[in-house]
PDB file of N, CA and C in Angstrom:
ATOM      1  N   MET A   1      -0.554  -8.083  42.234  1.00  0.00           N
ATOM      2  CA  MET A   1      -0.493  -6.744  42.765  1.00  0.00           C
ATOM      3  C   MET A   1       0.007  -5.787  41.677  1.00  0.00           C
ATOM      4  N   ASN A   2      -0.669  -4.685  41.525  1.00  0.00           N
ATOM      5  CA  ASN A   2      -0.261  -3.698  40.525  1.00  0.00           C
ATOM      6  C   ASN A   2       0.832  -2.795  41.074  1.00  0.00           C
ATOM      7  N   GLU A   3       1.821  -2.560  40.252  1.00  0.00           N
ATOM      8  CA  GLU A   3       2.878  -1.616  40.598  1.00  0.00           C
ATOM      9  C   GLU A   3       2.329  -0.201  40.400  1.00  0.00           C
ATOM     10  N   PRO A   4       2.866   0.789  41.107  1.00  0.00           N
ATOM     11  CA  PRO A   4       2.354   2.162  40.983  1.00  0.00           C
ATOM     12  C   PRO A   4       2.383   2.698  39.552  1.00  0.00           C
ATOM     13  N   TYR A   5       3.413   2.352  38.792  1.00  0.00           N
ATOM     14  CA  TYR A   5       3.505   2.874  37.422  1.00  0.00           C
ATOM     15  C   TYR A   5       2.450   2.269  36.506  1.00  0.00           C
ATOM     16  N   GLU A   6       1.919   1.091  36.862  1.00  0.00           N
ATOM     17  CA  GLU A   6       0.940   0.435  35.992  1.00  0.00           C
ATOM     18  C   GLU A   6      -0.340   1.250  35.862  1.00  0.00           C
ATOM     19  N   SER A   7      -0.731   1.961  36.910  1.00  0.00           N
ATOM     20  CA  SER A   7      -1.916   2.809  36.800  1.00  0.00           C
ATOM     21  C   SER A   7      -1.640   3.985  35.868  1.00  0.00           C
ATOM     22  N   ALA A   8      -0.412   4.490  35.866  1.00  0.00           N
ATOM     23  CA  ALA A   8      -0.050   5.571  34.945  1.00  0.00           C
ATOM     24  C   ALA A   8      -0.063   5.071  33.505  1.00  0.00           C
ATOM     25  N   VAL A   9       0.425   3.849  33.283  1.00  0.00           N
ATOM     26  CA  VAL A   9       0.410   3.265  31.939  1.00  0.00           C
ATOM     27  C   VAL A   9      -1.032   3.045  31.488  1.00  0.00           C
ATOM     28  N   ALA A  10      -1.880   2.542  32.381  1.00  0.00           N
ATOM     29  CA  ALA A  10      -3.293   2.327  32.043  1.00  0.00           C
ATOM     30  C   ALA A  10      -3.971   3.649  31.709  1.00  0.00           C
ATOM     31  N   SER A  11      -3.651   4.689  32.451  1.00  0.00           N
ATOM     32  CA  SER A  11      -4.211   6.014  32.183  1.00  0.00           C
ATOM     33  C   SER A  11      -3.737   6.545  30.831  1.00  0.00           C
ATOM     34  N   ALA A  12      -2.454   6.348  30.537  1.00  0.00           N
ATOM     35  CA  ALA A  12      -1.909   6.785  29.244  1.00  0.00           C
ATOM     36  C   ALA A  12      -2.585   6.045  28.100  1.00  0.00           C
ATOM     37  N   LEU A  13      -2.795   4.726  28.267  1.00  0.00           N
ATOM     38  CA  LEU A  13      -3.476   3.950  27.226  1.00  0.00           C
ATOM     39  C   LEU A  13      -4.891   4.456  27.010  1.00  0.00           C
ATOM     40  N   SER A  14      -5.585   4.751  28.094  1.00  0.00           N
ATOM     41  CA  SER A  14      -6.952   5.262  27.987  1.00  0.00           C
ATOM     42  C   SER A  14      -6.978   6.601  27.248  1.00  0.00           C
ATOM     43  N   THR A  15      -6.046   7.474  27.589  1.00  0.00           N
ATOM     44  CA  THR A  15      -5.966   8.779  26.930  1.00  0.00           C
ATOM     45  C   THR A  15      -5.619   8.626  25.454  1.00  0.00           C
ATOM     46  N   LEU A  16      -4.684   7.741  25.142  1.00  0.00           N
ATOM     47  CA  LEU A  16      -4.303   7.516  23.744  1.00  0.00           C
ATOM     48  C   LEU A  16      -5.451   6.916  22.945  1.00  0.00           C
ATOM     49  N   ARG A  17      -6.213   6.010  23.543  1.00  0.00           N
ATOM     50  CA  ARG A  17      -7.366   5.427  22.838  1.00  0.00           C
ATOM     51  C   ARG A  17      -8.421   6.491  22.553  1.00  0.00           C
ATOM     52  N   ALA A  18      -8.627   7.403  23.497  1.00  0.00           N
ATOM     53  CA  ALA A  18      -9.567   8.506  23.275  1.00  0.00           C
ATOM     54  C   ALA A  18      -9.058   9.418  22.157  1.00  0.00           C
ATOM     55  N   ALA A  19      -7.761   9.694  22.155  1.00  0.00           N
ATOM     56  CA  ALA A  19      -7.170  10.519  21.097  1.00  0.00           C
ATOM     57  C   ALA A  19      -7.294   9.831  19.750  1.00  0.00           C
ATOM     58  N   SER A  20      -7.079   8.524  19.724  1.00  0.00           N
ATOM     59  CA  SER A  20      -7.198   7.758  18.484  1.00  0.00           C
ATOM     60  C   SER A  20      -8.615   7.842  17.939  1.00  0.00           C
ATOM     61  N   SER A  21      -9.576   7.669  18.812  1.00  0.00           N
ATOM     62  CA  SER A  21     -10.978   7.749  18.394  1.00  0.00           C
ATOM     63  C   SER A  21     -11.301   9.136  17.843  1.00  0.00           C
ATOM     64  N   SER A  22     -10.787  10.162  18.499  1.00  0.00           N
ATOM     65  CA  SER A  22     -11.024  11.535  18.057  1.00  0.00           C
ATOM     66  C   SER A  22     -10.419  11.789  16.679  1.00  0.00           C
ATOM     67  N   VAL A  23      -9.191  11.341  16.465  1.00  0.00           N
ATOM     68  CA  VAL A  23      -8.528  11.537  15.171  1.00  0.00           C
ATOM     69  C   VAL A  23      -9.257  10.753  14.084  1.00  0.00           C
ATOM     70  N   ILE A  24      -9.663   9.534  14.385  1.00  0.00           N
ATOM     71  CA  ILE A  24     -10.390   8.728  13.394  1.00  0.00           C
ATOM     72  C   ILE A  24     -11.705   9.406  13.027  1.00  0.00           C
ATOM     73  N   ASN A  25     -12.391   9.979  14.014  1.00  0.00           N
ATOM     74  CA  ASN A  25     -13.633  10.707  13.724  1.00  0.00           C
ATOM     75  C   ASN A  25     -13.364  11.920  12.841  1.00  0.00           C
ATOM     76  N   GLU A  26     -12.266  12.636  13.101  1.00  0.00           N
ATOM     77  CA  GLU A  26     -11.920  13.789  12.263  1.00  0.00           C
ATOM     78  C   GLU A  26     -11.605  13.357  10.835  1.00  0.00           C
ATOM     79  N   ILE A  27     -10.886  12.252  10.689  1.00  0.00           N
ATOM     80  CA  ILE A  27     -10.554  11.748   9.355  1.00  0.00           C
ATOM     81  C   ILE A  27     -11.826  11.341   8.620  1.00  0.00           C
ATOM     82  N   THR A  28     -12.724  10.661   9.323  1.00  0.00           N
ATOM     83  CA  THR A  28     -13.977  10.206   8.713  1.00  0.00           C
ATOM     84  C   THR A  28     -14.840  11.389   8.272  1.00  0.00           C
ATOM     85  N   ALA A  29     -14.845  12.457   9.065  1.00  0.00           N
ATOM     86  CA  ALA A  29     -15.692  13.613   8.768  1.00  0.00           C
ATOM     87  C   ALA A  29     -15.024  14.621   7.835  1.00  0.00           C
ATOM     88  N   TYR A  30     -13.792  14.372   7.440  1.00  0.00           N
ATOM     89  CA  TYR A  30     -13.057  15.324   6.612  1.00  0.00           C
ATOM     90  C   TYR A  30     -13.754  15.473   5.261  1.00  0.00           C
ATOM     91  N   PRO A  31     -13.940  16.712   4.803  1.00  0.00           N
ATOM     92  CA  PRO A  31     -14.652  16.929   3.530  1.00  0.00           C
ATOM     93  C   PRO A  31     -13.925  16.301   2.338  1.00  0.00           C
ATOM     94  N   ARG A  32     -14.698  15.696   1.487  1.00  0.00           N
ATOM     95  CA  ARG A  32     -14.180  15.051   0.284  1.00  0.00           C
ATOM     96  C   ARG A  32     -14.344  16.001  -0.895  1.00  0.00           C
ATOM     97  N   PRO A  33     -13.654  15.877  -1.967  1.00  0.00           N
ATOM     98  CA  PRO A  33     -12.514  15.018  -2.233  1.00  0.00           C
ATOM     99  C   PRO A  33     -11.265  15.562  -1.539  1.00  0.00           C
ATOM    100  N   ILE A  34     -10.328  14.678  -1.289  1.00  0.00           N
ATOM    101  CA  ILE A  34      -9.101  15.049  -0.596  1.00  0.00           C
ATOM    102  C   ILE A  34      -7.950  14.957  -1.592  1.00  0.00           C
ATOM    103  N   SER A  35      -7.240  16.074  -1.752  1.00  0.00           N
ATOM    104  CA  SER A  35      -6.091  16.043  -2.660  1.00  0.00           C
ATOM    105  C   SER A  35      -4.890  15.468  -1.918  1.00  0.00           C
ATOM    106  N   GLY A  36      -3.969  14.915  -2.659  1.00  0.00           N
ATOM    107  CA  GLY A  36      -2.787  14.297  -2.064  1.00  0.00           C
ATOM    108  C   GLY A  36      -1.885  15.278  -1.342  1.00  0.00           C
ATOM    109  N   CYS A  37      -2.030  16.575  -1.659  1.00  0.00           N
ATOM    110  CA  CYS A  37      -1.157  17.567  -1.038  1.00  0.00           C
ATOM    111  C   CYS A  37      -1.865  18.326   0.087  1.00  0.00           C
ATOM    112  N   ASP A  38      -2.990  17.805   0.568  1.00  0.00           N
ATOM    113  CA  ASP A  38      -3.735  18.450   1.651  1.00  0.00           C
ATOM    114  C   ASP A  38      -2.957  18.274   2.958  1.00  0.00           C
ATOM    115  N   ALA A  39      -2.270  19.329   3.376  1.00  0.00           N
ATOM    116  CA  ALA A  39      -1.378  19.251   4.542  1.00  0.00           C
ATOM    117  C   ALA A  39      -2.137  18.919   5.822  1.00  0.00           C
ATOM    118  N   GLN A  40      -3.319  19.485   5.988  1.00  0.00           N
ATOM    119  CA  GLN A  40      -4.085  19.234   7.213  1.00  0.00           C
ATOM    120  C   GLN A  40      -4.510  17.766   7.298  1.00  0.00           C
ATOM    121  N   PHE A  41      -4.985  17.201   6.189  1.00  0.00           N
ATOM    122  CA  PHE A  41      -5.397  15.796   6.176  1.00  0.00           C
ATOM    123  C   PHE A  41      -4.191  14.883   6.391  1.00  0.00           C
ATOM    124  N   ASN A  42      -3.081  15.204   5.733  1.00  0.00           N
ATOM    125  CA  ASN A  42      -1.865  14.407   5.916  1.00  0.00           C
ATOM    126  C   ASN A  42      -1.379  14.461   7.363  1.00  0.00           C
ATOM    127  N   HIS A  43      -1.561  15.607   8.011  1.00  0.00           N
ATOM    128  CA  HIS A  43      -1.201  15.732   9.423  1.00  0.00           C
ATOM    129  C   HIS A  43      -2.077  14.809  10.283  1.00  0.00           C
ATOM    130  N   LEU A  44      -3.372  14.734   9.972  1.00  0.00           N
ATOM    131  CA  LEU A  44      -4.264  13.823  10.700  1.00  0.00           C
ATOM    132  C   LEU A  44      -3.819  12.374  10.523  1.00  0.00           C
ATOM    133  N   LEU A  45      -3.448  12.009   9.296  1.00  0.00           N
ATOM    134  CA  LEU A  45      -2.973  10.640   9.050  1.00  0.00           C
ATOM    135  C   LEU A  45      -1.694  10.360   9.836  1.00  0.00           C
ATOM    136  N   SER A  46      -0.808  11.344   9.878  1.00  0.00           N
ATOM    137  CA  SER A  46       0.435  11.197  10.632  1.00  0.00           C
ATOM    138  C   SER A  46       0.151  11.028  12.124  1.00  0.00           C
ATOM    139  N   ASP A  47      -0.758  11.840  12.646  1.00  0.00           N
ATOM    140  CA  ASP A  47      -1.121  11.728  14.064  1.00  0.00           C
ATOM    141  C   ASP A  47      -1.748  10.378  14.370  1.00  0.00           C
ATOM    142  N   ARG A  48      -2.576   9.879  13.457  1.00  0.00           N
ATOM    143  CA  ARG A  48      -3.202   8.564  13.659  1.00  0.00           C
ATOM    144  C   ARG A  48      -2.129   7.485  13.784  1.00  0.00           C
ATOM    145  N   THR A  49      -1.120   7.555  12.935  1.00  0.00           N
ATOM    146  CA  THR A  49      -0.027   6.583  12.982  1.00  0.00           C
ATOM    147  C   THR A  49       0.786   6.724  14.266  1.00  0.00           C
ATOM    148  N   ARG A  50       1.107   7.953  14.651  1.00  0.00           N
ATOM    149  CA  ARG A  50       1.880   8.179  15.876  1.00  0.00           C
ATOM    150  C   ARG A  50       1.139   7.670  17.106  1.00  0.00           C
ATOM    151  N   ILE A  51      -0.161   7.934  17.175  1.00  0.00           N
ATOM    152  CA  ILE A  51      -0.959   7.478  18.321  1.00  0.00           C
ATOM    153  C   ILE A  51      -1.019   5.960  18.343  1.00  0.00           C
ATOM    154  N   SER A  52      -1.238   5.358  17.182  1.00  0.00           N
ATOM    155  CA  SER A  52      -1.289   3.897  17.091  1.00  0.00           C
ATOM    156  C   SER A  52       0.042   3.278  17.516  1.00  0.00           C
ATOM    157  N   ASP A  53       1.142   3.869  17.079  1.00  0.00           N
ATOM    158  CA  ASP A  53       2.470   3.370  17.466  1.00  0.00           C
ATOM    159  C   ASP A  53       2.683   3.479  18.976  1.00  0.00           C
ATOM    160  N   ALA A  54       2.211   4.578  19.569  1.00  0.00           N
ATOM    161  CA  ALA A  54       2.358   4.759  21.019  1.00  0.00           C
ATOM    162  C   ALA A  54       1.536   3.728  21.786  1.00  0.00           C
ATOM    163  N   ILE A  55       0.320   3.452  21.309  1.00  0.00           N
ATOM    164  CA  ILE A  55      -0.517   2.430  21.945  1.00  0.00           C
ATOM    165  C   ILE A  55       0.171   1.075  21.866  1.00  0.00           C
ATOM    166  N   ASN A  56       0.674   0.735  20.686  1.00  0.00           N
ATOM    167  CA  ASN A  56       1.364  -0.553  20.518  1.00  0.00           C
ATOM    168  C   ASN A  56       2.594  -0.650  21.418  1.00  0.00           C
ATOM    169  N   ALA A  57       3.332   0.445  21.542  1.00  0.00           N
ATOM    170  CA  ALA A  57       4.529   0.434  22.387  1.00  0.00           C
ATOM    171  C   ALA A  57       4.179   0.197  23.851  1.00  0.00           C
ATOM    172  N   LEU A  58       3.063   0.762  24.311  1.00  0.00           N
ATOM    173  CA  LEU A  58       2.669   0.573  25.708  1.00  0.00           C
ATOM    174  C   LEU A  58       2.070  -0.807  25.963  1.00  0.00           C
ATOM    175  N   GLN A  59       1.463  -1.398  24.936  1.00  0.00           N
ATOM    176  CA  GLN A  59       0.834  -2.706  25.118  1.00  0.00           C
ATOM    177  C   GLN A  59       1.830  -3.854  25.019  1.00  0.00           C
ATOM    178  N   ASN A  60       2.871  -3.676  24.229  1.00  0.00           N
ATOM    179  CA  ASN A  60       3.853  -4.748  24.046  1.00  0.00           C
ATOM    180  C   ASN A  60       4.789  -4.823  25.237  1.00  0.00           C
ATOM    181  N   ARG A  61       5.151  -6.033  25.566  1.00  0.00           N
ATOM    182  CA  ARG A  61       6.133  -6.244  26.630  1.00  0.00           C
ATOM    183  C   ARG A  61       7.391  -6.787  25.959  1.00  0.00           C
ATOM    184  N   PRO A  62       8.405  -5.948  25.806  1.00  0.00           N
ATOM    185  CA  PRO A  62       9.615  -6.395  25.113  1.00  0.00           C
ATOM    186  C   PRO A  62      10.354  -7.461  25.918  1.00  0.00           C
ATOM    187  N   PHE A  63      11.027  -8.329  25.197  1.00  0.00           N
ATOM    188  CA  PHE A  63      11.841  -9.357  25.838  1.00  0.00           C
ATOM    189  C   PHE A  63      13.134  -8.725  26.341  1.00  0.00           C
ATOM    190  N   VAL A  64      13.480  -9.020  27.564  1.00  0.00           N
ATOM    191  CA  VAL A  64      14.730  -8.536  28.148  1.00  0.00           C
ATOM    192  C   VAL A  64      15.577  -9.760  28.481  1.00  0.00           C
ATOM    193  N   PRO A  65      16.671  -9.967  27.751  1.00  0.00           N
ATOM    194  CA  PRO A  65      17.498 -11.145  28.011  1.00  0.00           C
ATOM    195  C   PRO A  65      18.176 -11.069  29.380  1.00  0.00           C
ATOM    196  N   THR A  66      18.309 -12.222  29.977  1.00  0.00           N
ATOM    197  CA  THR A  66      19.017 -12.347  31.249  1.00  0.00           C
ATOM    198  C   THR A  66      20.072 -13.431  31.078  1.00  0.00           C
ATOM    199  N   PRO A  67      20.989 -13.576  32.011  1.00  0.00           N
ATOM    200  CA  PRO A  67      21.994 -14.634  31.865  1.00  0.00           C
ATOM    201  C   PRO A  67      21.381 -16.032  31.763  1.00  0.00           C
ATOM    202  N   ARG A  68      20.210 -16.252  32.344  1.00  0.00           N
ATOM    203  CA  ARG A  68      19.592 -17.585  32.302  1.00  0.00           C
ATOM    204  C   ARG A  68      18.648 -17.768  31.120  1.00  0.00           C
ATOM    205  N   VAL A  69      18.107 -16.698  30.595  1.00  0.00           N
ATOM    206  CA  VAL A  69      17.190 -16.780  29.449  1.00  0.00           C
ATOM    207  C   VAL A  69      17.678 -15.779  28.412  1.00  0.00           C
ATOM    208  N   MET A  70      18.365 -16.292  27.401  1.00  0.00           N
ATOM    209  CA  MET A  70      18.982 -15.416  26.406  1.00  0.00           C
ATOM    210  C   MET A  70      18.102 -15.162  25.191  1.00  0.00           C
ATOM    211  N   GLU A  71      17.090 -16.025  24.956  1.00  0.00           N
ATOM    212  CA  GLU A  71      16.240 -15.895  23.783  1.00  0.00           C
ATOM    213  C   GLU A  71      14.781 -15.964  24.195  1.00  0.00           C
ATOM    214  N   PRO A  72      13.902 -15.244  23.464  1.00  0.00           N
ATOM    215  CA  PRO A  72      12.475 -15.323  23.775  1.00  0.00           C
ATOM    216  C   PRO A  72      11.971 -16.760  23.659  1.00  0.00           C
ATOM    217  N   GLY A  73      11.170 -17.179  24.605  1.00  0.00           N
ATOM    218  CA  GLY A  73      10.579 -18.515  24.563  1.00  0.00           C
ATOM    219  C   GLY A  73      11.473 -19.611  25.100  1.00  0.00           C
ATOM    220  N   ALA A  74      12.714 -19.296  25.398  1.00  0.00           N
ATOM    221  CA  ALA A  74      13.631 -20.315  25.921  1.00  0.00           C
ATOM    222  C   ALA A  74      13.292 -20.605  27.378  1.00  0.00           C
ATOM    223  N   ALA A  75      13.458 -21.856  27.758  1.00  0.00           N
ATOM    224  CA  ALA A  75      13.200 -22.239  29.143  1.00  0.00           C
ATOM    225  C   ALA A  75      14.319 -21.717  30.033  1.00  0.00           C
ATOM    226  N   SER A  76      13.963 -21.390  31.218  1.00  0.00           N
ATOM    227  CA  SER A  76      14.930 -20.892  32.186  1.00  0.00           C
ATOM    228  C   SER A  76      15.774 -22.037  32.729  1.00  0.00           C
ATOM    229  N   GLU A  77      17.065 -21.790  32.825  1.00  0.00           N
ATOM    230  CA  GLU A  77      17.966 -22.792  33.404  1.00  0.00           C
ATOM    231  C   GLU A  77      17.759 -22.843  34.907  1.00  0.00           C
ATOM    232  N   SER A  78      17.770 -24.028  35.457  1.00  0.00           N
ATOM    233  CA  SER A  78      17.753 -24.122  36.919  1.00  0.00           C
ATOM    234  C   SER A  78      19.022 -24.834  37.361  1.00  0.00           C
ATOM    235  N   ARG A  79      19.573 -24.376  38.411  1.00  0.00           N
ATOM    236  CA  ARG A  79      20.833 -24.971  38.881  1.00  0.00           C
ATOM    237  C   ARG A  79      20.677 -25.466  40.277  1.00  0.00           C
TER     238      ARG A  79
END
């Protein structure tokens, strides 16, 4: 069963993937040659990284330690 927030996360991922595709298309179509001090191009590269980081953050499920499972991959204690 999906939790209500999961549809919001799925929607955010979809929007971020569309934004990523758009930024990549802009980078690909950017006129050459590109100087190292081109602020607009550097901004596109920065946005590409930020979007990619946001996608990765939403896709990863961080480990949350509990009293029974203190380390990732550890078996749960049963009592």
